Amino acid sequence: RTIEYRDESGKLLDAVKQSLVFTRTGDKDLVTNQVVWNEVLSQSFDEVKTPEKAGYTPDKAVVPSETV
């Protein structure tokens, strides 16, 4: 996810990018060649505290963690 910090006019002041990598495993039956896939586990983005910037008051002090 990308968290963007903008001023009142919409000008981008800063951005924080977070990414997750999902891996899926499975088992292949060597006789039938069929694959049985395992469940993809959820992951979470970390909480991000809004950086302090002189002259600006954020509308959110923290962007909460998010499970996907």
PDB file of N, CA and C in Angstrom:
ATOM      1  N   ARG A   1       0.847  -1.156   0.000  1.00  0.00           N
ATOM      2  CA  ARG A   1       0.000   0.000   0.000  1.00  0.00           C
ATOM      3  C   ARG A   1       0.892   1.218   0.000  1.00  0.00           C
ATOM      4  N   THR A   2       0.340   2.311  -0.465  1.00  0.00           N
ATOM      5  CA  THR A   2       1.063   3.576  -0.460  1.00  0.00           C
ATOM      6  C   THR A   2       0.264   4.575   0.358  1.00  0.00           C
ATOM      7  N   ILE A   3       0.922   5.162   1.332  1.00  0.00           N
ATOM      8  CA  ILE A   3       0.308   6.187   2.169  1.00  0.00           C
ATOM      9  C   ILE A   3       0.897   7.517   1.730  1.00  0.00           C
ATOM     10  N   GLU A   4       0.031   8.413   1.289  1.00  0.00           N
ATOM     11  CA  GLU A   4       0.486   9.717   0.805  1.00  0.00           C
ATOM     12  C   GLU A   4       0.108  10.805   1.791  1.00  0.00           C
ATOM     13  N   TYR A   5       1.047  11.698   2.026  1.00  0.00           N
ATOM     14  CA  TYR A   5       0.810  12.862   2.881  1.00  0.00           C
ATOM     15  C   TYR A   5       0.773  14.082   1.977  1.00  0.00           C
ATOM     16  N   ARG A   6      -0.362  14.788   2.010  1.00  0.00           N
ATOM     17  CA  ARG A   6      -0.566  15.946   1.135  1.00  0.00           C
ATOM     18  C   ARG A   6      -0.959  17.164   1.954  1.00  0.00           C
ATOM     19  N   ASP A   7      -0.644  18.339   1.412  1.00  0.00           N
ATOM     20  CA  ASP A   7      -1.077  19.570   2.076  1.00  0.00           C
ATOM     21  C   ASP A   7      -2.499  19.908   1.641  1.00  0.00           C
ATOM     22  N   GLU A   8      -3.009  21.029   2.139  1.00  0.00           N
ATOM     23  CA  GLU A   8      -4.400  21.413   1.866  1.00  0.00           C
ATOM     24  C   GLU A   8      -4.696  21.589   0.382  1.00  0.00           C
ATOM     25  N   SER A   9      -3.684  21.960  -0.391  1.00  0.00           N
ATOM     26  CA  SER A   9      -3.894  22.169  -1.826  1.00  0.00           C
ATOM     27  C   SER A   9      -3.732  20.880  -2.637  1.00  0.00           C
ATOM     28  N   GLY A  10      -3.356  19.792  -1.962  1.00  0.00           N
ATOM     29  CA  GLY A  10      -3.192  18.522  -2.657  1.00  0.00           C
ATOM     30  C   GLY A  10      -1.763  18.203  -3.041  1.00  0.00           C
ATOM     31  N   LYS A  11      -0.835  19.107  -2.733  1.00  0.00           N
ATOM     32  CA  LYS A  11       0.573  18.885  -3.070  1.00  0.00           C
ATOM     33  C   LYS A  11       1.132  17.745  -2.221  1.00  0.00           C
ATOM     34  N   LEU A  12       1.803  16.805  -2.875  1.00  0.00           N
ATOM     35  CA  LEU A  12       2.388  15.660  -2.189  1.00  0.00           C
ATOM     36  C   LEU A  12       3.595  16.106  -1.374  1.00  0.00           C
ATOM     37  N   LEU A  13       3.541  15.850  -0.063  1.00  0.00           N
ATOM     38  CA  LEU A  13       4.638  16.209   0.831  1.00  0.00           C
ATOM     39  C   LEU A  13       5.563  15.026   1.098  1.00  0.00           C
ATOM     40  N   ASP A  14       4.992  13.840   1.184  1.00  0.00           N
ATOM     41  CA  ASP A  14       5.768  12.645   1.507  1.00  0.00           C
ATOM     42  C   ASP A  14       4.910  11.415   1.201  1.00  0.00           C
ATOM     43  N   ALA A  15       5.554  10.278   1.071  1.00  0.00           N
ATOM     44  CA  ALA A  15       4.828   9.027   0.843  1.00  0.00           C
ATOM     45  C   ALA A  15       5.577   7.882   1.510  1.00  0.00           C
ATOM     46  N   VAL A  16       4.818   6.908   1.983  1.00  0.00           N
ATOM     47  CA  VAL A  16       5.384   5.692   2.568  1.00  0.00           C
ATOM     48  C   VAL A  16       4.822   4.520   1.778  1.00  0.00           C
ATOM     49  N   LYS A  17       5.717   3.673   1.252  1.00  0.00           N
ATOM     50  CA  LYS A  17       5.279   2.494   0.503  1.00  0.00           C
ATOM     51  C   LYS A  17       5.575   1.249   1.325  1.00  0.00           C
ATOM     52  N   GLN A  18       4.572   0.388   1.406  1.00  0.00           N
ATOM     53  CA  GLN A  18       4.722  -0.894   2.088  1.00  0.00           C
ATOM     54  C   GLN A  18       4.285  -1.985   1.122  1.00  0.00           C
ATOM     55  N   SER A  19       4.969  -3.112   1.173  1.00  0.00           N
ATOM     56  CA  SER A  19       4.567  -4.214   0.305  1.00  0.00           C
ATOM     57  C   SER A  19       4.615  -5.527   1.079  1.00  0.00           C
ATOM     58  N   LEU A  20       3.865  -6.476   0.590  1.00  0.00           N
ATOM     59  CA  LEU A  20       3.818  -7.818   1.154  1.00  0.00           C
ATOM     60  C   LEU A  20       4.036  -8.812   0.024  1.00  0.00           C
ATOM     61  N   VAL A  21       4.600  -9.958   0.351  1.00  0.00           N
ATOM     62  CA  VAL A  21       4.793 -11.022  -0.632  1.00  0.00           C
ATOM     63  C   VAL A  21       4.028 -12.247  -0.140  1.00  0.00           C
ATOM     64  N   PHE A  22       3.142 -12.733  -0.982  1.00  0.00           N
ATOM     65  CA  PHE A  22       2.357 -13.916  -0.644  1.00  0.00           C
ATOM     66  C   PHE A  22       2.945 -15.120  -1.367  1.00  0.00           C
ATOM     67  N   THR A  23       3.078 -16.222  -0.633  1.00  0.00           N
ATOM     68  CA  THR A  23       3.595 -17.462  -1.198  1.00  0.00           C
ATOM     69  C   THR A  23       2.554 -18.551  -0.972  1.00  0.00           C
ATOM     70  N   ARG A  24       2.326 -19.312  -2.020  1.00  0.00           N
ATOM     71  CA  ARG A  24       1.358 -20.401  -1.916  1.00  0.00           C
ATOM     72  C   ARG A  24       2.081 -21.706  -2.231  1.00  0.00           C
ATOM     73  N   THR A  25       1.895 -22.681  -1.377  1.00  0.00           N
ATOM     74  CA  THR A  25       2.516 -23.978  -1.589  1.00  0.00           C
ATOM     75  C   THR A  25       1.443 -25.014  -1.886  1.00  0.00           C
ATOM     76  N   GLY A  26       1.878 -26.115  -2.435  1.00  0.00           N
ATOM     77  CA  GLY A  26       0.942 -27.187  -2.739  1.00  0.00           C
ATOM     78  C   GLY A  26       1.655 -28.523  -2.811  1.00  0.00           C
ATOM     79  N   ASP A  27       0.863 -29.546  -2.916  1.00  0.00           N
ATOM     80  CA  ASP A  27       1.391 -30.903  -3.032  1.00  0.00           C
ATOM     81  C   ASP A  27       0.911 -31.499  -4.351  1.00  0.00           C
ATOM     82  N   LYS A  28       1.867 -32.053  -5.100  1.00  0.00           N
ATOM     83  CA  LYS A  28       1.531 -32.650  -6.393  1.00  0.00           C
ATOM     84  C   LYS A  28       1.502 -34.171  -6.257  1.00  0.00           C
ATOM     85  N   ASP A  29       0.391 -34.752  -6.685  1.00  0.00           N
ATOM     86  CA  ASP A  29       0.256 -36.206  -6.724  1.00  0.00           C
ATOM     87  C   ASP A  29       1.022 -36.685  -7.954  1.00  0.00           C
ATOM     88  N   LEU A  30       2.076 -37.461  -7.739  1.00  0.00           N
ATOM     89  CA  LEU A  30       2.934 -37.884  -8.847  1.00  0.00           C
ATOM     90  C   LEU A  30       2.275 -38.910  -9.764  1.00  0.00           C
ATOM     91  N   VAL A  31       1.190 -39.508  -9.325  1.00  0.00           N
ATOM     92  CA  VAL A  31       0.470 -40.473 -10.159  1.00  0.00           C
ATOM     93  C   VAL A  31      -0.528 -39.748 -11.055  1.00  0.00           C
ATOM     94  N   THR A  32      -1.321 -38.831 -10.472  1.00  0.00           N
ATOM     95  CA  THR A  32      -2.375 -38.152 -11.234  1.00  0.00           C
ATOM     96  C   THR A  32      -1.935 -36.785 -11.764  1.00  0.00           C
ATOM     97  N   ASN A  33      -0.806 -36.288 -11.286  1.00  0.00           N
ATOM     98  CA  ASN A  33      -0.297 -34.949 -11.622  1.00  0.00           C
ATOM     99  C   ASN A  33      -1.208 -33.821 -11.143  1.00  0.00           C
ATOM    100  N   GLN A  34      -2.142 -34.132 -10.270  1.00  0.00           N
ATOM    101  CA  GLN A  34      -3.008 -33.085  -9.722  1.00  0.00           C
ATOM    102  C   GLN A  34      -2.303 -32.403  -8.549  1.00  0.00           C
ATOM    103  N   VAL A  35      -2.509 -31.105  -8.461  1.00  0.00           N
ATOM    104  CA  VAL A  35      -1.914 -30.322  -7.382  1.00  0.00           C
ATOM    105  C   VAL A  35      -3.007 -29.921  -6.405  1.00  0.00           C
ATOM    106  N   VAL A  36      -2.766 -30.151  -5.140  1.00  0.00           N
ATOM    107  CA  VAL A  36      -3.663 -29.701  -4.080  1.00  0.00           C
ATOM    108  C   VAL A  36      -2.968 -28.520  -3.412  1.00  0.00           C
ATOM    109  N   TRP A  37      -3.557 -27.335  -3.582  1.00  0.00           N
ATOM    110  CA  TRP A  37      -2.950 -26.107  -3.067  1.00  0.00           C
ATOM    111  C   TRP A  37      -3.322 -25.886  -1.610  1.00  0.00           C
ATOM    112  N   ASN A  38      -2.348 -25.413  -0.844  1.00  0.00           N
ATOM    113  CA  ASN A  38      -2.570 -25.062   0.556  1.00  0.00           C
ATOM    114  C   ASN A  38      -3.150 -23.656   0.636  1.00  0.00           C
ATOM    115  N   GLU A  39      -3.744 -23.353   1.774  1.00  0.00           N
ATOM    116  CA  GLU A  39      -4.355 -22.041   1.999  1.00  0.00           C
ATOM    117  C   GLU A  39      -3.281 -20.948   1.971  1.00  0.00           C
ATOM    118  N   VAL A  40      -3.625 -19.813   1.382  1.00  0.00           N
ATOM    119  CA  VAL A  40      -2.742 -18.643   1.418  1.00  0.00           C
ATOM    120  C   VAL A  40      -3.003 -17.927   2.737  1.00  0.00           C
ATOM    121  N   LEU A  41      -1.954 -17.731   3.499  1.00  0.00           N
ATOM    122  CA  LEU A  41      -2.100 -17.107   4.809  1.00  0.00           C
ATOM    123  C   LEU A  41      -2.176 -15.589   4.685  1.00  0.00           C
ATOM    124  N   SER A  42      -2.966 -14.983   5.558  1.00  0.00           N
ATOM    125  CA  SER A  42      -3.079 -13.524   5.549  1.00  0.00           C
ATOM    126  C   SER A  42      -1.810 -12.913   6.132  1.00  0.00           C
ATOM    127  N   GLN A  43      -1.582 -11.668   5.791  1.00  0.00           N
ATOM    128  CA  GLN A  43      -0.449 -10.904   6.296  1.00  0.00           C
ATOM    129  C   GLN A  43      -0.941  -9.519   6.672  1.00  0.00           C
ATOM    130  N   SER A  44      -0.091  -8.776   7.357  1.00  0.00           N
ATOM    131  CA  SER A  44      -0.512  -7.449   7.809  1.00  0.00           C
ATOM    132  C   SER A  44       0.507  -6.382   7.448  1.00  0.00           C
ATOM    133  N   PHE A  45      -0.026  -5.245   7.014  1.00  0.00           N
ATOM    134  CA  PHE A  45       0.802  -4.057   6.872  1.00  0.00           C
ATOM    135  C   PHE A  45       1.000  -3.469   8.261  1.00  0.00           C
ATOM    136  N   ASP A  46       2.180  -2.939   8.528  1.00  0.00           N
ATOM    137  CA  ASP A  46       2.462  -2.321   9.818  1.00  0.00           C
ATOM    138  C   ASP A  46       1.761  -0.974   9.954  1.00  0.00           C
ATOM    139  N   GLU A  47       1.492  -0.605  11.190  1.00  0.00           N
ATOM    140  CA  GLU A  47       0.971   0.725  11.507  1.00  0.00           C
ATOM    141  C   GLU A  47       2.035   1.764  11.133  1.00  0.00           C
ATOM    142  N   VAL A  48       1.587   2.912  10.656  1.00  0.00           N
ATOM    143  CA  VAL A  48       2.509   3.987  10.295  1.00  0.00           C
ATOM    144  C   VAL A  48       2.097   5.249  11.036  1.00  0.00           C
ATOM    145  N   LYS A  49       3.024   5.785  11.806  1.00  0.00           N
ATOM    146  CA  LYS A  49       2.765   7.044  12.503  1.00  0.00           C
ATOM    147  C   LYS A  49       3.032   8.190  11.540  1.00  0.00           C
ATOM    148  N   THR A  50       2.136   9.154  11.533  1.00  0.00           N
ATOM    149  CA  THR A  50       2.275  10.303  10.649  1.00  0.00           C
ATOM    150  C   THR A  50       3.469  11.135  11.101  1.00  0.00           C
ATOM    151  N   PRO A  51       4.374  11.441  10.171  1.00  0.00           N
ATOM    152  CA  PRO A  51       5.541  12.232  10.555  1.00  0.00           C
ATOM    153  C   PRO A  51       5.146  13.670  10.898  1.00  0.00           C
ATOM    154  N   GLU A  52       5.892  14.264  11.811  1.00  0.00           N
ATOM    155  CA  GLU A  52       5.645  15.662  12.162  1.00  0.00           C
ATOM    156  C   GLU A  52       6.302  16.556  11.123  1.00  0.00           C
ATOM    157  N   LYS A  53       5.581  17.589  10.734  1.00  0.00           N
ATOM    158  CA  LYS A  53       6.097  18.541   9.748  1.00  0.00           C
ATOM    159  C   LYS A  53       5.733  19.931  10.246  1.00  0.00           C
ATOM    160  N   ALA A  54       6.729  20.790  10.375  1.00  0.00           N
ATOM    161  CA  ALA A  54       6.513  22.141  10.897  1.00  0.00           C
ATOM    162  C   ALA A  54       5.462  22.874  10.077  1.00  0.00           C
ATOM    163  N   GLY A  55       4.490  23.470  10.769  1.00  0.00           N
ATOM    164  CA  GLY A  55       3.457  24.247  10.103  1.00  0.00           C
ATOM    165  C   GLY A  55       2.252  23.442   9.645  1.00  0.00           C
ATOM    166  N   TYR A  56       2.262  22.128   9.888  1.00  0.00           N
ATOM    167  CA  TYR A  56       1.161  21.278   9.433  1.00  0.00           C
ATOM    168  C   TYR A  56       0.572  20.500  10.602  1.00  0.00           C
ATOM    169  N   THR A  57      -0.739  20.319  10.562  1.00  0.00           N
ATOM    170  CA  THR A  57      -1.435  19.498  11.549  1.00  0.00           C
ATOM    171  C   THR A  57      -2.114  18.359  10.797  1.00  0.00           C
ATOM    172  N   PRO A  58      -1.738  17.112  11.071  1.00  0.00           N
ATOM    173  CA  PRO A  58      -2.316  15.990  10.327  1.00  0.00           C
ATOM    174  C   PRO A  58      -3.767  15.727  10.716  1.00  0.00           C
ATOM    175  N   ASP A  59      -4.549  15.219   9.758  1.00  0.00           N
ATOM    176  CA  ASP A  59      -5.923  14.828  10.085  1.00  0.00           C
ATOM    177  C   ASP A  59      -5.957  13.444  10.729  1.00  0.00           C
ATOM    178  N   LYS A  60      -4.867  12.666  10.576  1.00  0.00           N
ATOM    179  CA  LYS A  60      -4.743  11.353  11.212  1.00  0.00           C
ATOM    180  C   LYS A  60      -3.335  11.245  11.793  1.00  0.00           C
ATOM    181  N   ALA A  61      -3.249  10.921  13.075  1.00  0.00           N
ATOM    182  CA  ALA A  61      -1.940  10.777  13.713  1.00  0.00           C
ATOM    183  C   ALA A  61      -1.278   9.452  13.340  1.00  0.00           C
ATOM    184  N   VAL A  62      -2.118   8.467  13.007  1.00  0.00           N
ATOM    185  CA  VAL A  62      -1.620   7.122  12.712  1.00  0.00           C
ATOM    186  C   VAL A  62      -2.468   6.512  11.605  1.00  0.00           C
ATOM    187  N   VAL A  63      -1.801   5.819  10.690  1.00  0.00           N
ATOM    188  CA  VAL A  63      -2.516   4.977   9.731  1.00  0.00           C
ATOM    189  C   VAL A  63      -2.435   3.571  10.322  1.00  0.00           C
ATOM    190  N   PRO A  64      -3.574   2.961  10.642  1.00  0.00           N
ATOM    191  CA  PRO A  64      -3.555   1.685  11.363  1.00  0.00           C
ATOM    192  C   PRO A  64      -3.006   0.531  10.522  1.00  0.00           C
ATOM    193  N   SER A  65      -2.590  -0.511  11.226  1.00  0.00           N
ATOM    194  CA  SER A  65      -2.180  -1.730  10.531  1.00  0.00           C
ATOM    195  C   SER A  65      -3.398  -2.281   9.789  1.00  0.00           C
ATOM    196  N   GLU A  66      -3.130  -3.088   8.776  1.00  0.00           N
ATOM    197  CA  GLU A  66      -4.224  -3.633   7.971  1.00  0.00           C
ATOM    198  C   GLU A  66      -3.885  -5.064   7.577  1.00  0.00           C
ATOM    199  N   THR A  67      -4.808  -5.966   7.824  1.00  0.00           N
ATOM    200  CA  THR A  67      -4.614  -7.365   7.462  1.00  0.00           C
ATOM    201  C   THR A  67      -5.269  -7.628   6.113  1.00  0.00           C
ATOM    202  N   VAL A  68      -4.500  -8.267   5.233  1.00  0.00           N
ATOM    203  CA  VAL A  68      -5.008  -8.597   3.896  1.00  0.00           C
ATOM    204  C   VAL A  68      -4.742 -10.061   3.596  1.00  0.00           C
TER     205      VAL A  68
END
